PDB file of N, CA and C in Angstrom:
ATOM      1  N   MET A   1      16.313  12.314  25.873  1.00  0.00           N
ATOM      2  CA  MET A   1      15.821  11.060  24.915  1.00  0.00           C
ATOM      3  C   MET A   1      17.155  10.823  24.188  1.00  0.00           C
ATOM      4  N   ALA A   2      17.240   9.534  24.048  1.00  0.00           N
ATOM      5  CA  ALA A   2      18.406   9.349  22.641  1.00  0.00           C
ATOM      6  C   ALA A   2      17.873   9.562  21.581  1.00  0.00           C
ATOM      7  N   LYS A   3      18.623   9.663  20.777  1.00  0.00           N
ATOM      8  CA  LYS A   3      18.286  10.212  18.971  1.00  0.00           C
ATOM      9  C   LYS A   3      18.149   8.705  18.595  1.00  0.00           C
ATOM     10  N   THR A   4      17.232   8.373  17.528  1.00  0.00           N
ATOM     11  CA  THR A   4      17.089   7.461  17.013  1.00  0.00           C
ATOM     12  C   THR A   4      16.737   7.508  15.651  1.00  0.00           C
ATOM     13  N   ARG A   5      17.062   6.501  14.540  1.00  0.00           N
ATOM     14  CA  ARG A   5      16.795   6.718  13.221  1.00  0.00           C
ATOM     15  C   ARG A   5      15.934   5.376  13.030  1.00  0.00           C
ATOM     16  N   ASP A   6      15.535   4.760  13.862  1.00  0.00           N
ATOM     17  CA  ASP A   6      14.415   3.660  13.653  1.00  0.00           C
ATOM     18  C   ASP A   6      13.093   4.195  13.330  1.00  0.00           C
ATOM     19  N   ALA A   7      12.510   4.353  12.153  1.00  0.00           N
ATOM     20  CA  ALA A   7      11.015   4.495  12.061  1.00  0.00           C
ATOM     21  C   ALA A   7      10.227   4.343  12.713  1.00  0.00           C
ATOM     22  N   LEU A   8      10.090   3.018  13.065  1.00  0.00           N
ATOM     23  CA  LEU A   8       8.743   2.523  13.949  1.00  0.00           C
ATOM     24  C   LEU A   8       8.953   3.137  15.367  1.00  0.00           C
ATOM     25  N   LYS A   9      10.334   3.204  16.015  1.00  0.00           N
ATOM     26  CA  LYS A   9      10.352   4.332  16.896  1.00  0.00           C
ATOM     27  C   LYS A   9      10.137   5.392  17.244  1.00  0.00           C
ATOM     28  N   ILE A  10      10.571   5.944  16.218  1.00  0.00           N
ATOM     29  CA  ILE A  10       9.947   7.145  15.956  1.00  0.00           C
ATOM     30  C   ILE A  10       8.344   7.587  15.696  1.00  0.00           C
ATOM     31  N   LEU A  11       7.844   6.799  14.648  1.00  0.00           N
ATOM     32  CA  LEU A  11       6.438   6.670  14.832  1.00  0.00           C
ATOM     33  C   LEU A  11       5.575   6.526  15.742  1.00  0.00           C
ATOM     34  N   ASP A  12       6.350   5.377  16.956  1.00  0.00           N
ATOM     35  CA  ASP A  12       5.626   5.213  18.241  1.00  0.00           C
ATOM     36  C   ASP A  12       5.727   6.653  19.164  1.00  0.00           C
ATOM     37  N   ARG A  13       6.915   7.110  19.182  1.00  0.00           N
ATOM     38  CA  ARG A  13       7.023   8.145  20.073  1.00  0.00           C
ATOM     39  C   ARG A  13       6.142   9.389  19.693  1.00  0.00           C
ATOM     40  N   VAL A  14       5.797   9.788  18.164  1.00  0.00           N
ATOM     41  CA  VAL A  14       5.006  10.608  17.695  1.00  0.00           C
ATOM     42  C   VAL A  14       3.641  10.350  17.890  1.00  0.00           C
ATOM     43  N   THR A  15       3.310   9.438  17.617  1.00  0.00           N
ATOM     44  CA  THR A  15       1.991   8.822  17.760  1.00  0.00           C
ATOM     45  C   THR A  15       1.416   8.904  19.254  1.00  0.00           C
ATOM     46  N   GLY A  16       1.994   8.114  20.121  1.00  0.00           N
ATOM     47  CA  GLY A  16       1.531   7.672  21.467  1.00  0.00           C
ATOM     48  C   GLY A  16       0.180   7.079  21.426  1.00  0.00           C
ATOM     49  N   ASP A  17      -0.351   7.630  22.296  1.00  0.00           N
ATOM     50  CA  ASP A  17      -1.962   6.855  22.224  1.00  0.00           C
ATOM     51  C   ASP A  17      -3.005   7.406  21.339  1.00  0.00           C
ATOM     52  N   ASP A  18      -2.719   8.209  20.445  1.00  0.00           N
ATOM     53  CA  ASP A  18      -3.613   8.929  19.461  1.00  0.00           C
ATOM     54  C   ASP A  18      -3.935   8.125  18.662  1.00  0.00           C
ATOM     55  N   ARG A  19      -5.005   7.371  18.991  1.00  0.00           N
ATOM     56  CA  ARG A  19      -5.659   6.220  17.994  1.00  0.00           C
ATOM     57  C   ARG A  19      -6.150   6.689  16.726  1.00  0.00           C
ATOM     58  N   GLU A  20      -6.474   7.957  16.743  1.00  0.00           N
ATOM     59  CA  GLU A  20      -6.673   8.564  14.978  1.00  0.00           C
ATOM     60  C   GLU A  20      -5.729   8.670  14.177  1.00  0.00           C
ATOM     61  N   LEU A  21      -4.675   9.159  14.689  1.00  0.00           N
ATOM     62  CA  LEU A  21      -3.202   9.272  14.090  1.00  0.00           C
ATOM     63  C   LEU A  21      -2.793   7.941  13.847  1.00  0.00           C
ATOM     64  N   ARG A  22      -2.994   7.064  14.480  1.00  0.00           N
ATOM     65  CA  ARG A  22      -2.417   5.932  14.161  1.00  0.00           C
ATOM     66  C   ARG A  22      -2.968   5.017  13.348  1.00  0.00           C
ATOM     67  N   HIS A  23      -4.229   5.395  13.161  1.00  0.00           N
ATOM     68  CA  HIS A  23      -5.381   4.532  12.400  1.00  0.00           C
ATOM     69  C   HIS A  23      -5.162   5.552  10.522  1.00  0.00           C
ATOM     70  N   ARG A  24      -4.761   6.806  10.691  1.00  0.00           N
ATOM     71  CA  ARG A  24      -4.388   7.453   9.432  1.00  0.00           C
ATOM     72  C   ARG A  24      -3.084   6.858   8.992  1.00  0.00           C
ATOM     73  N   ILE A  25      -2.254   6.578   9.891  1.00  0.00           N
ATOM     74  CA  ILE A  25      -0.822   6.111   9.589  1.00  0.00           C
ATOM     75  C   ILE A  25      -1.135   4.689   8.959  1.00  0.00           C
ATOM     76  N   ALA A  26      -1.776   3.499   9.631  1.00  0.00           N
ATOM     77  CA  ALA A  26      -2.270   2.384   9.064  1.00  0.00           C
ATOM     78  C   ALA A  26      -3.015   2.607   7.653  1.00  0.00           C
ATOM     79  N   ARG A  27      -3.624   3.610   7.446  1.00  0.00           N
ATOM     80  CA  ARG A  27      -4.561   3.762   6.304  1.00  0.00           C
ATOM     81  C   ARG A  27      -3.478   4.160   4.930  1.00  0.00           C
ATOM     82  N   GLU A  28      -2.499   5.028   5.294  1.00  0.00           N
ATOM     83  CA  GLU A  28      -1.740   5.321   4.213  1.00  0.00           C
ATOM     84  C   GLU A  28      -0.622   4.279   4.136  1.00  0.00           C
ATOM     85  N   LYS A  29      -0.264   3.472   4.740  1.00  0.00           N
ATOM     86  CA  LYS A  29       0.569   2.428   5.048  1.00  0.00           C
ATOM     87  C   LYS A  29       0.050   1.502   3.998  1.00  0.00           C
ATOM     88  N   LEU A  30      -1.409   1.082   4.137  1.00  0.00           N
ATOM     89  CA  LEU A  30      -2.175   0.426   3.153  1.00  0.00           C
ATOM     90  C   LEU A  30      -2.198   0.595   1.687  1.00  0.00           C
ATOM     91  N   ASN A  31      -2.270   2.075   1.441  1.00  0.00           N
ATOM     92  CA  ASN A  31      -2.411   2.528   0.460  1.00  0.00           C
ATOM     93  C   ASN A  31      -1.016   2.604  -0.723  1.00  0.00           C
ATOM     94  N   THR A  32       0.218   2.865   0.361  1.00  0.00           N
ATOM     95  CA  THR A  32       1.516   2.351   0.101  1.00  0.00           C
ATOM     96  C   THR A  32       1.648   1.027  -0.545  1.00  0.00           C
ATOM     97  N   GLN A  33       1.058   0.390   0.225  1.00  0.00           N
ATOM     98  CA  GLN A  33       1.511  -1.131  -0.012  1.00  0.00           C
ATOM     99  C   GLN A  33       0.562  -2.017  -1.434  1.00  0.00           C
ATOM    100  N   VAL A  34      -0.474  -1.099  -1.455  1.00  0.00           N
ATOM    101  CA  VAL A  34      -1.344  -1.603  -2.894  1.00  0.00           C
ATOM    102  C   VAL A  34      -0.602  -0.879  -3.845  1.00  0.00           C
ATOM    103  N   ALA A  35      -0.180   0.338  -3.889  1.00  0.00           N
ATOM    104  CA  ALA A  35       0.579   0.959  -4.749  1.00  0.00           C
ATOM    105  C   ALA A  35       1.698   0.006  -5.008  1.00  0.00           C
ATOM    106  N   ARG A  36       2.449  -0.490  -4.290  1.00  0.00           N
ATOM    107  CA  ARG A  36       3.779  -1.038  -4.440  1.00  0.00           C
ATOM    108  C   ARG A  36       3.626  -2.728  -4.877  1.00  0.00           C
ATOM    109  N   MET A  37       2.750  -3.136  -4.908  1.00  0.00           N
ATOM    110  CA  MET A  37       1.732  -4.591  -5.257  1.00  0.00           C
ATOM    111  C   MET A  37       2.033  -4.437  -6.696  1.00  0.00           C
ATOM    112  N   ILE A  38       1.012  -2.985  -6.826  1.00  0.00           N
ATOM    113  CA  ILE A  38       0.685  -3.100  -8.361  1.00  0.00           C
ATOM    114  C   ILE A  38       1.812  -2.985  -9.191  1.00  0.00           C
ATOM    115  N   TYR A  39       3.240  -2.092  -8.966  1.00  0.00           N
ATOM    116  CA  TYR A  39       4.082  -1.719  -9.702  1.00  0.00           C
ATOM    117  C   TYR A  39       4.936  -2.927 -10.023  1.00  0.00           C
ATOM    118  N   GLU A  40       5.236  -3.468  -8.618  1.00  0.00           N
ATOM    119  CA  GLU A  40       5.892  -4.906  -8.476  1.00  0.00           C
ATOM    120  C   GLU A  40       5.530  -5.990  -9.329  1.00  0.00           C
ATOM    121  N   ALA A  41       4.194  -6.043  -9.369  1.00  0.00           N
ATOM    122  CA  ALA A  41       3.870  -7.265 -10.142  1.00  0.00           C
ATOM    123  C   ALA A  41       3.806  -6.902 -11.767  1.00  0.00           C
ATOM    124  N   ARG A  42       3.431  -5.531 -12.265  1.00  0.00           N
ATOM    125  CA  ARG A  42       3.536  -4.981 -13.563  1.00  0.00           C
ATOM    126  C   ARG A  42       4.757  -5.265 -14.035  1.00  0.00           C
ATOM    127  N   THR A  43       5.891  -4.690 -13.377  1.00  0.00           N
ATOM    128  CA  THR A  43       7.449  -4.927 -13.540  1.00  0.00           C
ATOM    129  C   THR A  43       8.014  -6.133 -13.765  1.00  0.00           C
ATOM    130  N   ARG A  44       7.673  -6.942 -13.060  1.00  0.00           N
ATOM    131  CA  ARG A  44       7.848  -8.730 -12.774  1.00  0.00           C
ATOM    132  C   ARG A  44       6.985  -9.221 -14.259  1.00  0.00           C
ATOM    133  N   ALA A  45       6.253  -8.583 -14.698  1.00  0.00           N
ATOM    134  CA  ALA A  45       5.542  -9.130 -16.004  1.00  0.00           C
ATOM    135  C   ALA A  45       6.091  -8.494 -17.216  1.00  0.00           C
ATOM    136  N   LYS A  46       7.283  -7.615 -16.919  1.00  0.00           N
ATOM    137  CA  LYS A  46       7.879  -6.766 -17.903  1.00  0.00           C
ATOM    138  C   LYS A  46       6.684  -5.938 -18.963  1.00  0.00           C
ATOM    139  N   LEU A  47       6.134  -5.741 -18.165  1.00  0.00           N
ATOM    140  CA  LEU A  47       5.053  -4.794 -18.744  1.00  0.00           C
ATOM    141  C   LEU A  47       5.026  -3.249 -18.553  1.00  0.00           C
ATOM    142  N   SER A  48       4.851  -2.463 -19.344  1.00  0.00           N
ATOM    143  CA  SER A  48       4.871  -0.951 -19.334  1.00  0.00           C
ATOM    144  C   SER A  48       3.226  -0.555 -18.774  1.00  0.00           C
ATOM    145  N   GLN A  49       2.925   0.596 -18.208  1.00  0.00           N
ATOM    146  CA  GLN A  49       1.821   1.267 -17.668  1.00  0.00           C
ATOM    147  C   GLN A  49       0.973   1.099 -19.006  1.00  0.00           C
ATOM    148  N   ARG A  50       1.397   1.581 -19.810  1.00  0.00           N
ATOM    149  CA  ARG A  50       0.379   1.523 -21.350  1.00  0.00           C
ATOM    150  C   ARG A  50      -0.015   0.116 -21.423  1.00  0.00           C
ATOM    151  N   GLN A  51       0.856  -0.867 -21.169  1.00  0.00           N
ATOM    152  CA  GLN A  51       0.442  -2.326 -21.928  1.00  0.00           C
ATOM    153  C   GLN A  51      -0.514  -2.837 -20.709  1.00  0.00           C
ATOM    154  N   LEU A  52      -0.179  -2.446 -19.550  1.00  0.00           N
ATOM    155  CA  LEU A  52      -1.024  -3.121 -18.580  1.00  0.00           C
ATOM    156  C   LEU A  52      -2.504  -2.671 -18.750  1.00  0.00           C
ATOM    157  N   ALA A  53      -2.433  -1.148 -18.710  1.00  0.00           N
ATOM    158  CA  ALA A  53      -3.805  -0.292 -19.086  1.00  0.00           C
ATOM    159  C   ALA A  53      -4.702  -1.072 -20.166  1.00  0.00           C
ATOM    160  N   GLU A  54      -3.966  -1.584 -21.307  1.00  0.00           N
ATOM    161  CA  GLU A  54      -4.703  -2.138 -22.383  1.00  0.00           C
ATOM    162  C   GLU A  54      -5.510  -3.571 -22.084  1.00  0.00           C
ATOM    163  N   LEU A  55      -4.457  -4.277 -21.367  1.00  0.00           N
ATOM    164  CA  LEU A  55      -4.961  -5.722 -20.776  1.00  0.00           C
ATOM    165  C   LEU A  55      -6.144  -5.483 -19.670  1.00  0.00           C
ATOM    166  N   VAL A  56      -5.865  -4.430 -19.029  1.00  0.00           N
ATOM    167  CA  VAL A  56      -7.132  -4.044 -18.350  1.00  0.00           C
ATOM    168  C   VAL A  56      -8.459  -3.135 -18.520  1.00  0.00           C
ATOM    169  N   GLY A  57      -7.871  -2.592 -19.912  1.00  0.00           N
ATOM    170  CA  GLY A  57      -9.105  -2.112 -20.460  1.00  0.00           C
ATOM    171  C   GLY A  57      -9.359  -0.497 -19.998  1.00  0.00           C
ATOM    172  N   THR A  58      -8.298   0.098 -19.604  1.00  0.00           N
ATOM    173  CA  THR A  58      -8.554   1.512 -19.210  1.00  0.00           C
ATOM    174  C   THR A  58      -7.409   2.375 -19.988  1.00  0.00           C
ATOM    175  N   ARG A  59      -6.780   3.471 -19.444  1.00  0.00           N
ATOM    176  CA  ARG A  59      -5.775   4.116 -19.946  1.00  0.00           C
ATOM    177  C   ARG A  59      -4.661   4.193 -18.987  1.00  0.00           C
ATOM    178  N   GLN A  60      -3.447   4.417 -19.581  1.00  0.00           N
ATOM    179  CA  GLN A  60      -2.037   4.670 -19.076  1.00  0.00           C
ATOM    180  C   GLN A  60      -2.049   5.419 -17.599  1.00  0.00           C
ATOM    181  N   PRO A  61      -2.977   6.542 -17.710  1.00  0.00           N
ATOM    182  CA  PRO A  61      -2.744   7.427 -16.678  1.00  0.00           C
ATOM    183  C   PRO A  61      -3.395   6.725 -15.595  1.00  0.00           C
ATOM    184  N   VAL A  62      -4.367   6.082 -15.537  1.00  0.00           N
ATOM    185  CA  VAL A  62      -5.192   5.345 -14.338  1.00  0.00           C
ATOM    186  C   VAL A  62      -4.254   4.526 -13.850  1.00  0.00           C
ATOM    187  N   ILE A  63      -3.491   3.570 -14.373  1.00  0.00           N
ATOM    188  CA  ILE A  63      -2.514   2.977 -13.879  1.00  0.00           C
ATOM    189  C   ILE A  63      -1.481   3.506 -13.373  1.00  0.00           C
ATOM    190  N   ALA A  64      -1.008   4.410 -13.642  1.00  0.00           N
ATOM    191  CA  ALA A  64      -0.019   5.650 -13.063  1.00  0.00           C
ATOM    192  C   ALA A  64      -0.521   6.112 -11.407  1.00  0.00           C
ATOM    193  N   ARG A  65      -2.023   6.427 -11.616  1.00  0.00           N
ATOM    194  CA  ARG A  65      -2.637   6.987 -10.586  1.00  0.00           C
ATOM    195  C   ARG A  65      -2.465   5.481  -9.341  1.00  0.00           C
ATOM    196  N   LEU A  66      -2.736   4.494  -9.935  1.00  0.00           N
ATOM    197  CA  LEU A  66      -2.934   3.067  -9.030  1.00  0.00           C
ATOM    198  C   LEU A  66      -1.553   2.861  -8.162  1.00  0.00           C
ATOM    199  N   GLU A  67      -0.449   3.259  -9.054  1.00  0.00           N
ATOM    200  CA  GLU A  67       0.985   2.957  -8.297  1.00  0.00           C
ATOM    201  C   GLU A  67       1.521   3.937  -7.701  1.00  0.00           C
ATOM    202  N   ASP A  68       0.632   4.947  -7.632  1.00  0.00           N
ATOM    203  CA  ASP A  68       0.936   6.275  -6.764  1.00  0.00           C
ATOM    204  C   ASP A  68       0.665   5.811  -5.212  1.00  0.00           C
ATOM    205  N   ALA A  69       1.775   5.962  -3.980  1.00  0.00           N
ATOM    206  CA  ALA A  69       1.270   5.791  -3.057  1.00  0.00           C
ATOM    207  C   ALA A  69       0.533   6.714  -2.532  1.00  0.00           C
ATOM    208  N   ASP A  70      -0.069   7.864  -2.920  1.00  0.00           N
ATOM    209  CA  ASP A  70      -0.859   8.990  -2.238  1.00  0.00           C
ATOM    210  C   ASP A  70      -2.316   8.619  -2.974  1.00  0.00           C
ATOM    211  N   TYR A  71      -2.320   7.837  -3.881  1.00  0.00           N
ATOM    212  CA  TYR A  71      -3.866   7.640  -4.339  1.00  0.00           C
ATOM    213  C   TYR A  71      -4.569   6.841  -3.204  1.00  0.00           C
ATOM    214  N   ARG A  72      -6.069   7.073  -3.438  1.00  0.00           N
ATOM    215  CA  ARG A  72      -6.912   6.511  -2.194  1.00  0.00           C
ATOM    216  C   ARG A  72      -8.009   6.145  -2.810  1.00  0.00           C
ATOM    217  N   GLY A  73      -8.075   5.950  -4.126  1.00  0.00           N
ATOM    218  CA  GLY A  73      -9.363   5.195  -4.760  1.00  0.00           C
ATOM    219  C   GLY A  73      -9.313   3.829  -5.106  1.00  0.00           C
ATOM    220  N   HIS A  74      -8.384   3.056  -4.656  1.00  0.00           N
ATOM    221  CA  HIS A  74      -8.443   1.316  -5.198  1.00  0.00           C
ATOM    222  C   HIS A  74      -9.388   0.973  -4.738  1.00  0.00           C
ATOM    223  N   SER A  75      -9.919   0.303  -5.926  1.00  0.00           N
ATOM    224  CA  SER A  75     -11.204  -0.567  -5.945  1.00  0.00           C
ATOM    225  C   SER A  75     -11.149  -1.800  -5.969  1.00  0.00           C
ATOM    226  N   LEU A  76     -11.745  -2.891  -5.336  1.00  0.00           N
ATOM    227  CA  LEU A  76     -11.721  -4.100  -5.776  1.00  0.00           C
ATOM    228  C   LEU A  76     -11.947  -4.455  -7.122  1.00  0.00           C
ATOM    229  N   SER A  77     -12.647  -4.351  -7.533  1.00  0.00           N
ATOM    230  CA  SER A  77     -13.070  -4.445  -8.791  1.00  0.00           C
ATOM    231  C   SER A  77     -11.894  -4.142  -9.753  1.00  0.00           C
ATOM    232  N   MET A  78     -11.230  -2.754  -9.838  1.00  0.00           N
ATOM    233  CA  MET A  78     -10.007  -2.546 -10.554  1.00  0.00           C
ATOM    234  C   MET A  78      -8.903  -3.375 -10.152  1.00  0.00           C
ATOM    235  N   LEU A  79      -8.888  -3.965  -8.984  1.00  0.00           N
ATOM    236  CA  LEU A  79      -7.566  -5.056  -8.593  1.00  0.00           C
ATOM    237  C   LEU A  79      -7.831  -6.187  -9.001  1.00  0.00           C
ATOM    238  N   GLN A  80      -8.940  -6.350  -9.060  1.00  0.00           N
ATOM    239  CA  GLN A  80      -9.086  -7.803  -9.755  1.00  0.00           C
ATOM    240  C   GLN A  80      -9.231  -7.903 -11.090  1.00  0.00           C
ATOM    241  N   ARG A  81      -9.275  -6.829 -11.731  1.00  0.00           N
ATOM    242  CA  ARG A  81      -8.843  -6.656 -13.250  1.00  0.00           C
ATOM    243  C   ARG A  81      -7.454  -6.741 -13.592  1.00  0.00           C
ATOM    244  N   ILE A  82      -6.781  -5.904 -12.669  1.00  0.00           N
ATOM    245  CA  ILE A  82      -5.416  -5.943 -12.765  1.00  0.00           C
ATOM    246  C   ILE A  82      -4.723  -7.307 -12.413  1.00  0.00           C
ATOM    247  N   ALA A  83      -5.351  -8.281 -11.172  1.00  0.00           N
ATOM    248  CA  ALA A  83      -4.878  -9.325 -11.003  1.00  0.00           C
ATOM    249  C   ALA A  83      -4.734 -10.340 -12.293  1.00  0.00           C
ATOM    250  N   GLY A  84      -6.178 -10.234 -12.632  1.00  0.00           N
ATOM    251  CA  GLY A  84      -6.507 -11.128 -13.940  1.00  0.00           C
ATOM    252  C   GLY A  84      -5.608 -10.750 -15.002  1.00  0.00           C
ATOM    253  N   ALA A  85      -5.113  -9.681 -15.427  1.00  0.00           N
ATOM    254  CA  ALA A  85      -4.226  -9.190 -16.546  1.00  0.00           C
ATOM    255  C   ALA A  85      -3.107  -9.719 -16.427  1.00  0.00           C
ATOM    256  N   LEU A  86      -2.539  -9.854 -14.951  1.00  0.00           N
ATOM    257  CA  LEU A  86      -1.212 -10.066 -14.898  1.00  0.00           C
ATOM    258  C   LEU A  86      -1.248 -11.834 -14.682  1.00  0.00           C
ATOM    259  N   ASN A  87      -2.369 -12.503 -14.749  1.00  0.00           N
ATOM    260  CA  ASN A  87      -2.329 -14.020 -14.533  1.00  0.00           C
ATOM    261  C   ASN A  87      -2.185 -13.918 -12.962  1.00  0.00           C
ATOM    262  N   LYS A  88      -2.631 -13.233 -11.988  1.00  0.00           N
ATOM    263  CA  LYS A  88      -2.579 -13.628 -10.534  1.00  0.00           C
ATOM    264  C   LYS A  88      -4.026 -13.379  -9.988  1.00  0.00           C
ATOM    265  N   ARG A  89      -4.214 -13.976  -8.665  1.00  0.00           N
ATOM    266  CA  ARG A  89      -5.030 -13.825  -8.087  1.00  0.00           C
ATOM    267  C   ARG A  89      -5.055 -12.946  -6.785  1.00  0.00           C
ATOM    268  N   LEU A  90      -6.229 -12.207  -6.774  1.00  0.00           N
ATOM    269  CA  LEU A  90      -6.565 -11.003  -5.747  1.00  0.00           C
ATOM    270  C   LEU A  90      -6.845 -11.873  -4.184  1.00  0.00           C
ATOM    271  N   ASP A  91      -6.200 -11.620  -3.558  1.00  0.00           N
ATOM    272  CA  ASP A  91      -6.273 -12.210  -1.941  1.00  0.00           C
ATOM    273  C   ASP A  91      -6.803 -11.414  -1.025  1.00  0.00           C
ATOM    274  N   VAL A  92      -7.972 -10.766  -0.394  1.00  0.00           N
ATOM    275  CA  VAL A  92      -8.306 -10.322   0.708  1.00  0.00           C
ATOM    276  C   VAL A  92      -8.483 -10.825   1.614  1.00  0.00           C
ATOM    277  N   ARG A  93      -8.095 -10.217   2.829  1.00  0.00           N
ATOM    278  CA  ARG A  93      -8.125 -11.037   3.998  1.00  0.00           C
ATOM    279  C   ARG A  93      -8.715 -10.019   5.358  1.00  0.00           C
ATOM    280  N   PHE A  94      -9.078 -10.560   6.340  1.00  0.00           N
ATOM    281  CA  PHE A  94      -9.202  -9.717   7.489  1.00  0.00           C
ATOM    282  C   PHE A  94      -8.439 -10.549   8.470  1.00  0.00           C
ATOM    283  N   VAL A  95      -7.644  -9.760   9.149  1.00  0.00           N
ATOM    284  CA  VAL A  95      -6.818 -10.351  10.151  1.00  0.00           C
ATOM    285  C   VAL A  95      -6.687  -9.514  11.332  1.00  0.00           C
ATOM    286  N   GLN A  96      -6.346 -10.029  12.408  1.00  0.00           N
ATOM    287  CA  GLN A  96      -6.207  -9.483  13.695  1.00  0.00           C
ATOM    288  C   GLN A  96      -5.260  -8.618  13.644  1.00  0.00           C
ATOM    289  N   PRO A  97      -5.113  -7.566  14.366  1.00  0.00           N
ATOM    290  CA  PRO A  97      -3.947  -6.298  14.513  1.00  0.00           C
ATOM    291  C   PRO A  97      -3.164  -7.122  15.073  1.00  0.00           C
ATOM    292  N   GLY A  98      -1.885  -7.148  14.938  1.00  0.00           N
ATOM    293  CA  GLY A  98      -0.587  -7.385  16.014  1.00  0.00           C
ATOM    294  C   GLY A  98      -0.712  -6.455  17.307  1.00  0.00           C
ATOM    295  N   PRO A  99      -0.250  -6.848  18.154  1.00  0.00           N
ATOM    296  CA  PRO A  99      -0.106  -6.328  19.571  1.00  0.00           C
ATOM    297  C   PRO A  99       0.796  -4.827  19.327  1.00  0.00           C
ATOM    298  N   ARG A 100       0.468  -3.849  20.027  1.00  0.00           N
ATOM    299  CA  ARG A 100       0.844  -2.336  20.107  1.00  0.00           C
ATOM    300  C   ARG A 100       2.070  -2.760  20.499  1.00  0.00           C
ATOM    301  N   ARG A 101       3.294  -2.203  19.847  1.00  0.00           N
ATOM    302  CA  ARG A 101       4.614  -2.149  20.191  1.00  0.00           C
ATOM    303  C   ARG A 101       4.513  -0.965  21.266  1.00  0.00           C
ATOM    304  N   ARG A 102       5.298  -1.210  22.087  1.00  0.00           N
ATOM    305  CA  ARG A 102       5.498   0.234  23.080  1.00  0.00           C
ATOM    306  C   ARG A 102       7.029   0.183  23.484  1.00  0.00           C
ATOM    307  N   VAL A 103       7.438   1.418  23.012  1.00  0.00           N
ATOM    308  CA  VAL A 103       9.116   1.376  22.766  1.00  0.00           C
ATOM    309  C   VAL A 103       9.313   2.307  24.216  1.00  0.00           C
ATOM    310  N   ARG A 104      10.361   1.956  24.631  1.00  0.00           N
ATOM    311  CA  ARG A 104      10.851   2.819  25.992  1.00  0.00           C
ATOM    312  C   ARG A 104      11.774   3.851  25.453  1.00  0.00           C
ATOM    313  N   ALA A 105      11.675   4.704  26.205  1.00  0.00           N
ATOM    314  CA  ALA A 105      12.761   5.794  25.777  1.00  0.00           C
ATOM    315  C   ALA A 105      14.211   5.331  26.306  1.00  0.00           C
ATOM    316  N   ALA A 106      15.401   5.199  25.584  1.00  0.00           N
ATOM    317  CA  ALA A 106      16.607   4.755  25.716  1.00  0.00           C
ATOM    318  C   ALA A 106      17.253   5.801  26.800  1.00  0.00           C
TER     319      ALA A 106
END
């Protein structure tokens, strides 16, 4: 089997047809995306974690946890408060999953 550095190809090889593992990976990806969106929105607004916390009505450690990709406690209520503090709108959608990629061994 040829070596690859493509993360998607590696994940596809590792997960194969394991639906539970694919589900866990998708959940972790979502946690990472939410954390990154909060961080990027805050830094674009040129706010520190403490400043955003004050606007949201919480403490700095809460914002730090929300920006941690390993955090699993994101709530819609808190995300709405953050969006409002940053003069943004929260958009939550249900979308069809994309087709499962099949990667052939090279």
